[in-house]
Amino acid sequence: KIFPRLFISMIRAGEESGDLEGTLERLA
């Protein structure tokens, strides 16, 4: 209810690719 599925999926992809910083920028 707080973190939408899109947020969770992109965070997981950012962790796997090692580009969490870029993922968070795209989410923002």
mmCIF file of all heavy atoms, coordinates in Angstrom:
data_MODEL
# 
_entry.id   MODEL 
# 
loop_
_atom_site.group_PDB 
_atom_site.id 
_atom_site.type_symbol 
_atom_site.label_atom_id 
_atom_site.label_alt_id 
_atom_site.label_comp_id 
_atom_site.label_asym_id 
_atom_site.label_entity_id 
_atom_site.label_seq_id 
_atom_site.pdbx_PDB_ins_code 
_atom_site.Cartn_x 
_atom_site.Cartn_y 
_atom_site.Cartn_z 
_atom_site.occupancy 
_atom_site.B_iso_or_equiv 
_atom_site.pdbx_formal_charge 
_atom_site.auth_seq_id 
_atom_site.auth_comp_id 
_atom_site.auth_asym_id 
_atom_site.auth_atom_id 
_atom_site.pdbx_PDB_model_num 
ATOM 1   N N   . LYS A 1 1  ? 0.828  -1.211 0.000   1.00 0.00 ? 1  LYS A N   1 
ATOM 2   C CA  . LYS A 1 1  ? 0.000  0.000  0.000   1.00 0.00 ? 1  LYS A CA  1 
ATOM 3   C C   . LYS A 1 1  ? 0.862  1.260  0.000   1.00 0.00 ? 1  LYS A C   1 
ATOM 4   O O   . LYS A 1 1  ? 0.407  2.336  -0.384  1.00 0.00 ? 1  LYS A O   1 
ATOM 5   C CB  . LYS A 1 1  ? -0.944 -0.005 1.205   1.00 0.00 ? 1  LYS A CB  1 
ATOM 6   C CG  . LYS A 1 1  ? -2.112 -0.965 1.075   1.00 0.00 ? 1  LYS A CG  1 
ATOM 7   C CD  . LYS A 1 1  ? -3.078 -0.773 2.218   1.00 0.00 ? 1  LYS A CD  1 
ATOM 8   C CE  . LYS A 1 1  ? -4.328 -1.623 2.030   1.00 0.00 ? 1  LYS A CE  1 
ATOM 9   N NZ  . LYS A 1 1  ? -5.143 -1.192 0.884   1.00 0.00 ? 1  LYS A NZ  1 
ATOM 10  N N   . ILE A 1 2  ? 2.106  1.129  0.460   1.00 0.00 ? 2  ILE A N   1 
ATOM 11  C CA  . ILE A 1 2  ? 3.018  2.269  0.508   1.00 0.00 ? 2  ILE A CA  1 
ATOM 12  C C   . ILE A 1 2  ? 3.914  2.300  -0.718  1.00 0.00 ? 2  ILE A C   1 
ATOM 13  O O   . ILE A 1 2  ? 4.073  3.333  -1.364  1.00 0.00 ? 2  ILE A O   1 
ATOM 14  C CB  . ILE A 1 2  ? 3.889  2.218  1.783   1.00 0.00 ? 2  ILE A CB  1 
ATOM 15  C CG1 . ILE A 1 2  ? 3.014  2.003  3.028   1.00 0.00 ? 2  ILE A CG1 1 
ATOM 16  C CG2 . ILE A 1 2  ? 4.722  3.486  1.917   1.00 0.00 ? 2  ILE A CG2 1 
ATOM 17  C CD1 . ILE A 1 2  ? 2.005  3.075  3.276   1.00 0.00 ? 2  ILE A CD1 1 
ATOM 18  N N   . PHE A 1 3  ? 4.507  1.152  -1.042  1.00 0.00 ? 3  PHE A N   1 
ATOM 19  C CA  . PHE A 1 3  ? 5.440  1.055  -2.163  1.00 0.00 ? 3  PHE A CA  1 
ATOM 20  C C   . PHE A 1 3  ? 4.773  0.304  -3.307  1.00 0.00 ? 3  PHE A C   1 
ATOM 21  O O   . PHE A 1 3  ? 4.518  -0.900 -3.203  1.00 0.00 ? 3  PHE A O   1 
ATOM 22  C CB  . PHE A 1 3  ? 6.724  0.325  -1.734  1.00 0.00 ? 3  PHE A CB  1 
ATOM 23  C CG  . PHE A 1 3  ? 7.427  0.967  -0.566  1.00 0.00 ? 3  PHE A CG  1 
ATOM 24  C CD1 . PHE A 1 3  ? 7.313  0.440  0.708   1.00 0.00 ? 3  PHE A CD1 1 
ATOM 25  C CD2 . PHE A 1 3  ? 8.193  2.107  -0.743  1.00 0.00 ? 3  PHE A CD2 1 
ATOM 26  C CE1 . PHE A 1 3  ? 7.950  1.021  1.790   1.00 0.00 ? 3  PHE A CE1 1 
ATOM 27  C CE2 . PHE A 1 3  ? 8.844  2.704  0.331   1.00 0.00 ? 3  PHE A CE2 1 
ATOM 28  C CZ  . PHE A 1 3  ? 8.718  2.160  1.603   1.00 0.00 ? 3  PHE A CZ  1 
ATOM 29  N N   . PRO A 1 4  ? 4.465  0.982  -4.412  1.00 0.00 ? 4  PRO A N   1 
ATOM 30  C CA  . PRO A 1 4  ? 3.794  0.323  -5.536  1.00 0.00 ? 4  PRO A CA  1 
ATOM 31  C C   . PRO A 1 4  ? 4.683  -0.727 -6.183  1.00 0.00 ? 4  PRO A C   1 
ATOM 32  O O   . PRO A 1 4  ? 5.899  -0.748 -5.998  1.00 0.00 ? 4  PRO A O   1 
ATOM 33  C CB  . PRO A 1 4  ? 3.512  1.485  -6.508  1.00 0.00 ? 4  PRO A CB  1 
ATOM 34  C CG  . PRO A 1 4  ? 4.458  2.563  -6.119  1.00 0.00 ? 4  PRO A CG  1 
ATOM 35  C CD  . PRO A 1 4  ? 4.707  2.415  -4.658  1.00 0.00 ? 4  PRO A CD  1 
ATOM 36  N N   . ARG A 1 5  ? 4.052  -1.616 -6.931  1.00 0.00 ? 5  ARG A N   1 
ATOM 37  C CA  . ARG A 1 5  ? 4.784  -2.711 -7.570  1.00 0.00 ? 5  ARG A CA  1 
ATOM 38  C C   . ARG A 1 5  ? 5.883  -2.191 -8.487  1.00 0.00 ? 5  ARG A C   1 
ATOM 39  O O   . ARG A 1 5  ? 6.957  -2.780 -8.579  1.00 0.00 ? 5  ARG A O   1 
ATOM 40  C CB  . ARG A 1 5  ? 3.798  -3.584 -8.362  1.00 0.00 ? 5  ARG A CB  1 
ATOM 41  C CG  . ARG A 1 5  ? 4.440  -4.834 -8.944  1.00 0.00 ? 5  ARG A CG  1 
ATOM 42  C CD  . ARG A 1 5  ? 3.465  -5.604 -9.808  1.00 0.00 ? 5  ARG A CD  1 
ATOM 43  N NE  . ARG A 1 5  ? 4.125  -6.668 -10.543 1.00 0.00 ? 5  ARG A NE  1 
ATOM 44  C CZ  . ARG A 1 5  ? 3.574  -7.294 -11.578 1.00 0.00 ? 5  ARG A CZ  1 
ATOM 45  N NH1 . ARG A 1 5  ? 2.361  -6.974 -11.986 1.00 0.00 ? 5  ARG A NH1 1 
ATOM 46  N NH2 . ARG A 1 5  ? 4.247  -8.249 -12.203 1.00 0.00 ? 5  ARG A NH2 1 
ATOM 47  N N   . LEU A 1 6  ? 5.614  -1.090 -9.169  1.00 0.00 ? 6  LEU A N   1 
ATOM 48  C CA  . LEU A 1 6  ? 6.617  -0.497 -10.055 1.00 0.00 ? 6  LEU A CA  1 
ATOM 49  C C   . LEU A 1 6  ? 7.878  -0.133 -9.276  1.00 0.00 ? 6  LEU A C   1 
ATOM 50  O O   . LEU A 1 6  ? 8.997  -0.402 -9.717  1.00 0.00 ? 6  LEU A O   1 
ATOM 51  C CB  . LEU A 1 6  ? 6.030  0.741  -10.734 1.00 0.00 ? 6  LEU A CB  1 
ATOM 52  C CG  . LEU A 1 6  ? 6.948  1.536  -11.659 1.00 0.00 ? 6  LEU A CG  1 
ATOM 53  C CD1 . LEU A 1 6  ? 6.181  2.005  -12.889 1.00 0.00 ? 6  LEU A CD1 1 
ATOM 54  C CD2 . LEU A 1 6  ? 7.536  2.748  -10.951 1.00 0.00 ? 6  LEU A CD2 1 
ATOM 55  N N   . PHE A 1 7  ? 7.710  0.477  -8.115  1.00 0.00 ? 7  PHE A N   1 
ATOM 56  C CA  . PHE A 1 7  ? 8.839  0.859  -7.262  1.00 0.00 ? 7  PHE A CA  1 
ATOM 57  C C   . PHE A 1 7  ? 9.638  -0.377 -6.858  1.00 0.00 ? 7  PHE A C   1 
ATOM 58  O O   . PHE A 1 7  ? 10.874 -0.397 -6.955  1.00 0.00 ? 7  PHE A O   1 
ATOM 59  C CB  . PHE A 1 7  ? 8.310  1.595  -6.032  1.00 0.00 ? 7  PHE A CB  1 
ATOM 60  C CG  . PHE A 1 7  ? 9.372  2.040  -5.064  1.00 0.00 ? 7  PHE A CG  1 
ATOM 61  C CD1 . PHE A 1 7  ? 9.950  3.298  -5.183  1.00 0.00 ? 7  PHE A CD1 1 
ATOM 62  C CD2 . PHE A 1 7  ? 9.789  1.215  -4.030  1.00 0.00 ? 7  PHE A CD2 1 
ATOM 63  C CE1 . PHE A 1 7  ? 10.924 3.715  -4.291  1.00 0.00 ? 7  PHE A CE1 1 
ATOM 64  C CE2 . PHE A 1 7  ? 10.760 1.620  -3.129  1.00 0.00 ? 7  PHE A CE2 1 
ATOM 65  C CZ  . PHE A 1 7  ? 11.330 2.882  -3.270  1.00 0.00 ? 7  PHE A CZ  1 
ATOM 66  N N   . ILE A 1 8  ? 8.941  -1.422 -6.405  1.00 0.00 ? 8  ILE A N   1 
ATOM 67  C CA  . ILE A 1 8  ? 9.612  -2.644 -5.943  1.00 0.00 ? 8  ILE A CA  1 
ATOM 68  C C   . ILE A 1 8  ? 10.387 -3.307 -7.082  1.00 0.00 ? 8  ILE A C   1 
ATOM 69  O O   . ILE A 1 8  ? 11.546 -3.710 -6.909  1.00 0.00 ? 8  ILE A O   1 
ATOM 70  C CB  . ILE A 1 8  ? 8.578  -3.616 -5.347  1.00 0.00 ? 8  ILE A CB  1 
ATOM 71  C CG1 . ILE A 1 8  ? 7.902  -2.980 -4.121  1.00 0.00 ? 8  ILE A CG1 1 
ATOM 72  C CG2 . ILE A 1 8  ? 9.229  -4.944 -4.968  1.00 0.00 ? 8  ILE A CG2 1 
ATOM 73  C CD1 . ILE A 1 8  ? 6.685  -3.737 -3.626  1.00 0.00 ? 8  ILE A CD1 1 
ATOM 74  N N   . SER A 1 9  ? 9.756  -3.410 -8.251  1.00 0.00 ? 9  SER A N   1 
ATOM 75  C CA  . SER A 1 9  ? 10.406 -4.070 -9.399  1.00 0.00 ? 9  SER A CA  1 
ATOM 76  C C   . SER A 1 9  ? 11.639 -3.301 -9.860  1.00 0.00 ? 9  SER A C   1 
ATOM 77  O O   . SER A 1 9  ? 12.669 -3.904 -10.174 1.00 0.00 ? 9  SER A O   1 
ATOM 78  C CB  . SER A 1 9  ? 9.410  -4.204 -10.559 1.00 0.00 ? 9  SER A CB  1 
ATOM 79  O OG  . SER A 1 9  ? 8.322  -5.016 -10.190 1.00 0.00 ? 9  SER A OG  1 
ATOM 80  N N   . MET A 1 10 ? 11.554 -1.974 -9.893  1.00 0.00 ? 10 MET A N   1 
ATOM 81  C CA  . MET A 1 10 ? 12.698 -1.179 -10.331 1.00 0.00 ? 10 MET A CA  1 
ATOM 82  C C   . MET A 1 10 ? 13.827 -1.223 -9.308  1.00 0.00 ? 10 MET A C   1 
ATOM 83  O O   . MET A 1 10 ? 15.009 -1.268 -9.676  1.00 0.00 ? 10 MET A O   1 
ATOM 84  C CB  . MET A 1 10 ? 12.264 0.259  -10.607 1.00 0.00 ? 10 MET A CB  1 
ATOM 85  C CG  . MET A 1 10 ? 11.457 0.412  -11.879 1.00 0.00 ? 10 MET A CG  1 
ATOM 86  S SD  . MET A 1 10 ? 10.969 2.120  -12.258 1.00 0.00 ? 10 MET A SD  1 
ATOM 87  C CE  . MET A 1 10 ? 12.562 2.890  -12.543 1.00 0.00 ? 10 MET A CE  1 
ATOM 88  N N   . ILE A 1 11 ? 13.495 -1.244 -8.015  1.00 0.00 ? 11 ILE A N   1 
ATOM 89  C CA  . ILE A 1 11 ? 14.525 -1.360 -6.981  1.00 0.00 ? 11 ILE A CA  1 
ATOM 90  C C   . ILE A 1 11 ? 15.237 -2.705 -7.097  1.00 0.00 ? 11 ILE A C   1 
ATOM 91  O O   . ILE A 1 11 ? 16.477 -2.794 -7.011  1.00 0.00 ? 11 ILE A O   1 
ATOM 92  C CB  . ILE A 1 11 ? 13.905 -1.199 -5.577  1.00 0.00 ? 11 ILE A CB  1 
ATOM 93  C CG1 . ILE A 1 11 ? 13.449 0.251  -5.351  1.00 0.00 ? 11 ILE A CG1 1 
ATOM 94  C CG2 . ILE A 1 11 ? 14.896 -1.619 -4.490  1.00 0.00 ? 11 ILE A CG2 1 
ATOM 95  C CD1 . ILE A 1 11 ? 14.568 1.253  -5.314  1.00 0.00 ? 11 ILE A CD1 1 
ATOM 96  N N   . ARG A 1 12 ? 14.456 -3.770 -7.317  1.00 0.00 ? 12 ARG A N   1 
ATOM 97  C CA  . ARG A 1 12 ? 15.054 -5.101 -7.465  1.00 0.00 ? 12 ARG A CA  1 
ATOM 98  C C   . ARG A 1 12 ? 15.978 -5.134 -8.683  1.00 0.00 ? 12 ARG A C   1 
ATOM 99  O O   . ARG A 1 12 ? 17.091 -5.685 -8.615  1.00 0.00 ? 12 ARG A O   1 
ATOM 100 C CB  . ARG A 1 12 ? 13.964 -6.158 -7.593  1.00 0.00 ? 12 ARG A CB  1 
ATOM 101 C CG  . ARG A 1 12 ? 14.513 -7.592 -7.682  1.00 0.00 ? 12 ARG A CG  1 
ATOM 102 C CD  . ARG A 1 12 ? 13.396 -8.617 -7.752  1.00 0.00 ? 12 ARG A CD  1 
ATOM 103 N NE  . ARG A 1 12 ? 12.650 -8.661 -6.513  1.00 0.00 ? 12 ARG A NE  1 
ATOM 104 C CZ  . ARG A 1 12 ? 11.386 -8.292 -6.388  1.00 0.00 ? 12 ARG A CZ  1 
ATOM 105 N NH1 . ARG A 1 12 ? 10.725 -7.837 -7.454  1.00 0.00 ? 12 ARG A NH1 1 
ATOM 106 N NH2 . ARG A 1 12 ? 10.758 -8.359 -5.234  1.00 0.00 ? 12 ARG A NH2 1 
ATOM 107 N N   . ALA A 1 13 ? 15.516 -4.557 -9.801  1.00 0.00 ? 13 ALA A N   1 
ATOM 108 C CA  . ALA A 1 13 ? 16.353 -4.521 -11.004 1.00 0.00 ? 13 ALA A CA  1 
ATOM 109 C C   . ALA A 1 13 ? 17.610 -3.693 -10.770 1.00 0.00 ? 13 ALA A C   1 
ATOM 110 O O   . ALA A 1 13 ? 18.701 -4.040 -11.243 1.00 0.00 ? 13 ALA A O   1 
ATOM 111 C CB  . ALA A 1 13 ? 15.552 -3.950 -12.178 1.00 0.00 ? 13 ALA A CB  1 
ATOM 112 N N   . GLY A 1 14 ? 17.483 -2.581 -10.024 1.00 0.00 ? 14 GLY A N   1 
ATOM 113 C CA  . GLY A 1 14 ? 18.649 -1.749 -9.717  1.00 0.00 ? 14 GLY A CA  1 
ATOM 114 C C   . GLY A 1 14 ? 19.658 -2.467 -8.848  1.00 0.00 ? 14 GLY A C   1 
ATOM 115 O O   . GLY A 1 14 ? 20.869 -2.309 -9.028  1.00 0.00 ? 14 GLY A O   1 
ATOM 116 N N   . GLU A 1 15 ? 19.176 -3.284 -7.904  1.00 0.00 ? 15 GLU A N   1 
ATOM 117 C CA  . GLU A 1 15 ? 20.078 -4.076 -7.065  1.00 0.00 ? 15 GLU A CA  1 
ATOM 118 C C   . GLU A 1 15 ? 20.828 -5.122 -7.890  1.00 0.00 ? 15 GLU A C   1 
ATOM 119 O O   . GLU A 1 15 ? 22.034 -5.332 -7.714  1.00 0.00 ? 15 GLU A O   1 
ATOM 120 C CB  . GLU A 1 15 ? 19.282 -4.762 -5.953  1.00 0.00 ? 15 GLU A CB  1 
ATOM 121 C CG  . GLU A 1 15 ? 18.747 -3.813 -4.901  1.00 0.00 ? 15 GLU A CG  1 
ATOM 122 C CD  . GLU A 1 15 ? 17.826 -4.499 -3.913  1.00 0.00 ? 15 GLU A CD  1 
ATOM 123 O OE1 . GLU A 1 15 ? 17.251 -5.568 -4.263  1.00 0.00 ? 15 GLU A OE1 1 
ATOM 124 O OE2 . GLU A 1 15 ? 17.669 -3.987 -2.794  1.00 0.00 ? 15 GLU A OE2 1 
ATOM 125 N N   . GLU A 1 16 ? 20.106 -5.762 -8.811  1.00 0.00 ? 16 GLU A N   1 
ATOM 126 C CA  . GLU A 1 16 ? 20.728 -6.813 -9.629  1.00 0.00 ? 16 GLU A CA  1 
ATOM 127 C C   . GLU A 1 16 ? 21.734 -6.247 -10.621 1.00 0.00 ? 16 GLU A C   1 
ATOM 128 O O   . GLU A 1 16 ? 22.760 -6.865 -10.908 1.00 0.00 ? 16 GLU A O   1 
ATOM 129 C CB  . GLU A 1 16 ? 19.635 -7.590 -10.376 1.00 0.00 ? 16 GLU A CB  1 
ATOM 130 C CG  . GLU A 1 16 ? 18.738 -8.417 -9.446  1.00 0.00 ? 16 GLU A CG  1 
ATOM 131 C CD  . GLU A 1 16 ? 17.577 -9.050 -10.174 1.00 0.00 ? 16 GLU A CD  1 
ATOM 132 O OE1 . GLU A 1 16 ? 17.424 -8.767 -11.399 1.00 0.00 ? 16 GLU A OE1 1 
ATOM 133 O OE2 . GLU A 1 16 ? 16.815 -9.825 -9.553  1.00 0.00 ? 16 GLU A OE2 1 
ATOM 134 N N   . SER A 1 17 ? 21.460 -5.039 -11.139 1.00 0.00 ? 17 SER A N   1 
ATOM 135 C CA  . SER A 1 17 ? 22.355 -4.434 -12.122 1.00 0.00 ? 17 SER A CA  1 
ATOM 136 C C   . SER A 1 17 ? 23.473 -3.615 -11.469 1.00 0.00 ? 17 SER A C   1 
ATOM 137 O O   . SER A 1 17 ? 24.417 -3.196 -12.141 1.00 0.00 ? 17 SER A O   1 
ATOM 138 C CB  . SER A 1 17 ? 21.563 -3.531 -13.079 1.00 0.00 ? 17 SER A CB  1 
ATOM 139 O OG  . SER A 1 17 ? 20.988 -2.442 -12.361 1.00 0.00 ? 17 SER A OG  1 
ATOM 140 N N   . GLY A 1 18 ? 23.351 -3.361 -10.177 1.00 0.00 ? 18 GLY A N   1 
ATOM 141 C CA  . GLY A 1 18 ? 24.349 -2.558 -9.483  1.00 0.00 ? 18 GLY A CA  1 
ATOM 142 C C   . GLY A 1 18 ? 24.201 -1.065 -9.726  1.00 0.00 ? 18 GLY A C   1 
ATOM 143 O O   . GLY A 1 18 ? 25.113 -0.290 -9.425  1.00 0.00 ? 18 GLY A O   1 
ATOM 144 N N   . ASP A 1 19 ? 23.052 -0.658 -10.287 1.00 0.00 ? 19 ASP A N   1 
ATOM 145 C CA  . ASP A 1 19 ? 22.829 0.761  -10.599 1.00 0.00 ? 19 ASP A CA  1 
ATOM 146 C C   . ASP A 1 19 ? 21.642 1.277  -9.802  1.00 0.00 ? 19 ASP A C   1 
ATOM 147 O O   . ASP A 1 19 ? 20.689 1.834  -10.351 1.00 0.00 ? 19 ASP A O   1 
ATOM 148 C CB  . ASP A 1 19 ? 22.586 0.925  -12.101 1.00 0.00 ? 19 ASP A CB  1 
ATOM 149 C CG  . ASP A 1 19 ? 22.462 2.388  -12.516 1.00 0.00 ? 19 ASP A CG  1 
ATOM 150 O OD1 . ASP A 1 19 ? 23.051 3.245  -11.829 1.00 0.00 ? 19 ASP A OD1 1 
ATOM 151 O OD2 . ASP A 1 19 ? 21.757 2.679  -13.495 1.00 0.00 ? 19 ASP A OD2 1 
ATOM 152 N N   . LEU A 1 20 ? 21.666 1.091  -8.494  1.00 0.00 ? 20 LEU A N   1 
ATOM 153 C CA  . LEU A 1 20 ? 20.564 1.530  -7.650  1.00 0.00 ? 20 LEU A CA  1 
ATOM 154 C C   . LEU A 1 20 ? 20.429 3.051  -7.665  1.00 0.00 ? 20 LEU A C   1 
ATOM 155 O O   . LEU A 1 20 ? 19.320 3.586  -7.635  1.00 0.00 ? 20 LEU A O   1 
ATOM 156 C CB  . LEU A 1 20 ? 20.763 1.038  -6.221  1.00 0.00 ? 20 LEU A CB  1 
ATOM 157 C CG  . LEU A 1 20 ? 19.602 1.284  -5.241  1.00 0.00 ? 20 LEU A CG  1 
ATOM 158 C CD1 . LEU A 1 20 ? 18.333 0.630  -5.754  1.00 0.00 ? 20 LEU A CD1 1 
ATOM 159 C CD2 . LEU A 1 20 ? 19.956 0.773  -3.859  1.00 0.00 ? 20 LEU A CD2 1 
ATOM 160 N N   . GLU A 1 21 ? 21.556 3.752  -7.755  1.00 0.00 ? 21 GLU A N   1 
ATOM 161 C CA  . GLU A 1 21 ? 21.525 5.218  -7.795  1.00 0.00 ? 21 GLU A CA  1 
ATOM 162 C C   . GLU A 1 21 ? 20.748 5.709  -9.004  1.00 0.00 ? 21 GLU A C   1 
ATOM 163 O O   . GLU A 1 21 ? 19.866 6.564  -8.899  1.00 0.00 ? 21 GLU A O   1 
ATOM 164 C CB  . GLU A 1 21 ? 22.946 5.767  -7.822  1.00 0.00 ? 21 GLU A CB  1 
ATOM 165 C CG  . GLU A 1 21 ? 23.017 7.284  -7.941  1.00 0.00 ? 21 GLU A CG  1 
ATOM 166 C CD  . GLU A 1 21 ? 24.440 7.777  -8.121  1.00 0.00 ? 21 GLU A CD  1 
ATOM 167 O OE1 . GLU A 1 21 ? 25.381 7.092  -7.666  1.00 0.00 ? 21 GLU A OE1 1 
ATOM 168 O OE2 . GLU A 1 21 ? 24.620 8.845  -8.726  1.00 0.00 ? 21 GLU A OE2 1 
ATOM 169 N N   . GLY A 1 22 ? 21.074 5.146  -10.181 1.00 0.00 ? 22 GLY A N   1 
ATOM 170 C CA  . GLY A 1 22 ? 20.372 5.545  -11.408 1.00 0.00 ? 22 GLY A CA  1 
ATOM 171 C C   . GLY A 1 22 ? 18.908 5.168  -11.365 1.00 0.00 ? 22 GLY A C   1 
ATOM 172 O O   . GLY A 1 22 ? 18.043 5.925  -11.847 1.00 0.00 ? 22 GLY A O   1 
ATOM 173 N N   . THR A 1 23 ? 18.599 4.014  -10.763 1.00 0.00 ? 23 THR A N   1 
ATOM 174 C CA  . THR A 1 23 ? 17.211 3.571  -10.650 1.00 0.00 ? 23 THR A CA  1 
ATOM 175 C C   . THR A 1 23 ? 16.400 4.523  -9.787  1.00 0.00 ? 23 THR A C   1 
ATOM 176 O O   . THR A 1 23 ? 15.267 4.875  -10.123 1.00 0.00 ? 23 THR A O   1 
ATOM 177 C CB  . THR A 1 23 ? 17.162 2.149  -10.051 1.00 0.00 ? 23 THR A CB  1 
ATOM 178 O OG1 . THR A 1 23 ? 17.851 1.250  -10.917 1.00 0.00 ? 23 THR A OG1 1 
ATOM 179 C CG2 . THR A 1 23 ? 15.726 1.681  -9.887  1.00 0.00 ? 23 THR A CG2 1 
ATOM 180 N N   . LEU A 1 24 ? 16.979 4.951  -8.676  1.00 0.00 ? 24 LEU A N   1 
ATOM 181 C CA  . LEU A 1 24 ? 16.286 5.890  -7.794  1.00 0.00 ? 24 LEU A CA  1 
ATOM 182 C C   . LEU A 1 24 ? 16.057 7.233  -8.478  1.00 0.00 ? 24 LEU A C   1 
ATOM 183 O O   . LEU A 1 24 ? 15.019 7.880  -8.279  1.00 0.00 ? 24 LEU A O   1 
ATOM 184 C CB  . LEU A 1 24 ? 17.086 6.081  -6.505  1.00 0.00 ? 24 LEU A CB  1 
ATOM 185 C CG  . LEU A 1 24 ? 17.067 4.882  -5.539  1.00 0.00 ? 24 LEU A CG  1 
ATOM 186 C CD1 . LEU A 1 24 ? 18.111 5.061  -4.450  1.00 0.00 ? 24 LEU A CD1 1 
ATOM 187 C CD2 . LEU A 1 24 ? 15.684 4.718  -4.927  1.00 0.00 ? 24 LEU A CD2 1 
ATOM 188 N N   . GLU A 1 25 ? 17.012 7.667  -9.293  1.00 0.00 ? 25 GLU A N   1 
ATOM 189 C CA  . GLU A 1 25 ? 16.837 8.911  -10.056 1.00 0.00 ? 25 GLU A CA  1 
ATOM 190 C C   . GLU A 1 25 ? 15.667 8.779  -11.019 1.00 0.00 ? 25 GLU A C   1 
ATOM 191 O O   . GLU A 1 25 ? 14.835 9.688  -11.139 1.00 0.00 ? 25 GLU A O   1 
ATOM 192 C CB  . GLU A 1 25 ? 18.124 9.233  -10.832 1.00 0.00 ? 25 GLU A CB  1 
ATOM 193 C CG  . GLU A 1 25 ? 19.268 9.738  -9.977  1.00 0.00 ? 25 GLU A CG  1 
ATOM 194 C CD  . GLU A 1 25 ? 19.061 11.184 -9.545  1.00 0.00 ? 25 GLU A CD  1 
ATOM 195 O OE1 . GLU A 1 25 ? 18.113 11.827 -10.015 1.00 0.00 ? 25 GLU A OE1 1 
ATOM 196 O OE2 . GLU A 1 25 ? 19.864 11.653 -8.712  1.00 0.00 ? 25 GLU A OE2 1 
ATOM 197 N N   . ARG A 1 26 ? 15.597 7.636  -11.717 1.00 0.00 ? 26 ARG A N   1 
ATOM 198 C CA  . ARG A 1 26 ? 14.498 7.421  -12.669 1.00 0.00 ? 26 ARG A CA  1 
ATOM 199 C C   . ARG A 1 26 ? 13.161 7.347  -11.940 1.00 0.00 ? 26 ARG A C   1 
ATOM 200 O O   . ARG A 1 26 ? 12.146 7.836  -12.440 1.00 0.00 ? 26 ARG A O   1 
ATOM 201 C CB  . ARG A 1 26 ? 14.753 6.143  -13.477 1.00 0.00 ? 26 ARG A CB  1 
ATOM 202 C CG  . ARG A 1 26 ? 15.780 6.312  -14.585 1.00 0.00 ? 26 ARG A CG  1 
ATOM 203 C CD  . ARG A 1 26 ? 15.843 5.098  -15.491 1.00 0.00 ? 26 ARG A CD  1 
ATOM 204 N NE  . ARG A 1 26 ? 16.489 3.980  -14.823 1.00 0.00 ? 26 ARG A NE  1 
ATOM 205 C CZ  . ARG A 1 26 ? 17.801 3.762  -14.815 1.00 0.00 ? 26 ARG A CZ  1 
ATOM 206 N NH1 . ARG A 1 26 ? 18.606 4.608  -15.438 1.00 0.00 ? 26 ARG A NH1 1 
ATOM 207 N NH2 . ARG A 1 26 ? 18.311 2.715  -14.207 1.00 0.00 ? 26 ARG A NH2 1 
ATOM 208 N N   . LEU A 1 27 ? 13.137 6.725  -10.755 1.00 0.00 ? 27 LEU A N   1 
ATOM 209 C CA  . LEU A 1 27 ? 11.898 6.659  -9.980  1.00 0.00 ? 27 LEU A CA  1 
ATOM 210 C C   . LEU A 1 27 ? 11.440 8.053  -9.562  1.00 0.00 ? 27 LEU A C   1 
ATOM 211 O O   . LEU A 1 27 ? 10.244 8.375  -9.643  1.00 0.00 ? 27 LEU A O   1 
ATOM 212 C CB  . LEU A 1 27 ? 12.113 5.789  -8.737  1.00 0.00 ? 27 LEU A CB  1 
ATOM 213 C CG  . LEU A 1 27 ? 11.979 4.283  -8.932  1.00 0.00 ? 27 LEU A CG  1 
ATOM 214 C CD1 . LEU A 1 27 ? 12.495 3.530  -7.703  1.00 0.00 ? 27 LEU A CD1 1 
ATOM 215 C CD2 . LEU A 1 27 ? 10.530 3.894  -9.213  1.00 0.00 ? 27 LEU A CD2 1 
ATOM 216 N N   . ALA A 1 28 ? 12.387 8.878  -9.110  1.00 0.00 ? 28 ALA A N   1 
ATOM 217 C CA  . ALA A 1 28 ? 12.046 10.240 -8.699  1.00 0.00 ? 28 ALA A CA  1 
ATOM 218 C C   . ALA A 1 28 ? 11.465 11.023 -9.870  1.00 0.00 ? 28 ALA A C   1 
ATOM 219 O O   . ALA A 1 28 ? 10.431 11.702 -9.738  1.00 0.00 ? 28 ALA A O   1 
ATOM 220 C CB  . ALA A 1 28 ? 13.283 10.940 -8.143  1.00 0.00 ? 28 ALA A CB  1 
# 
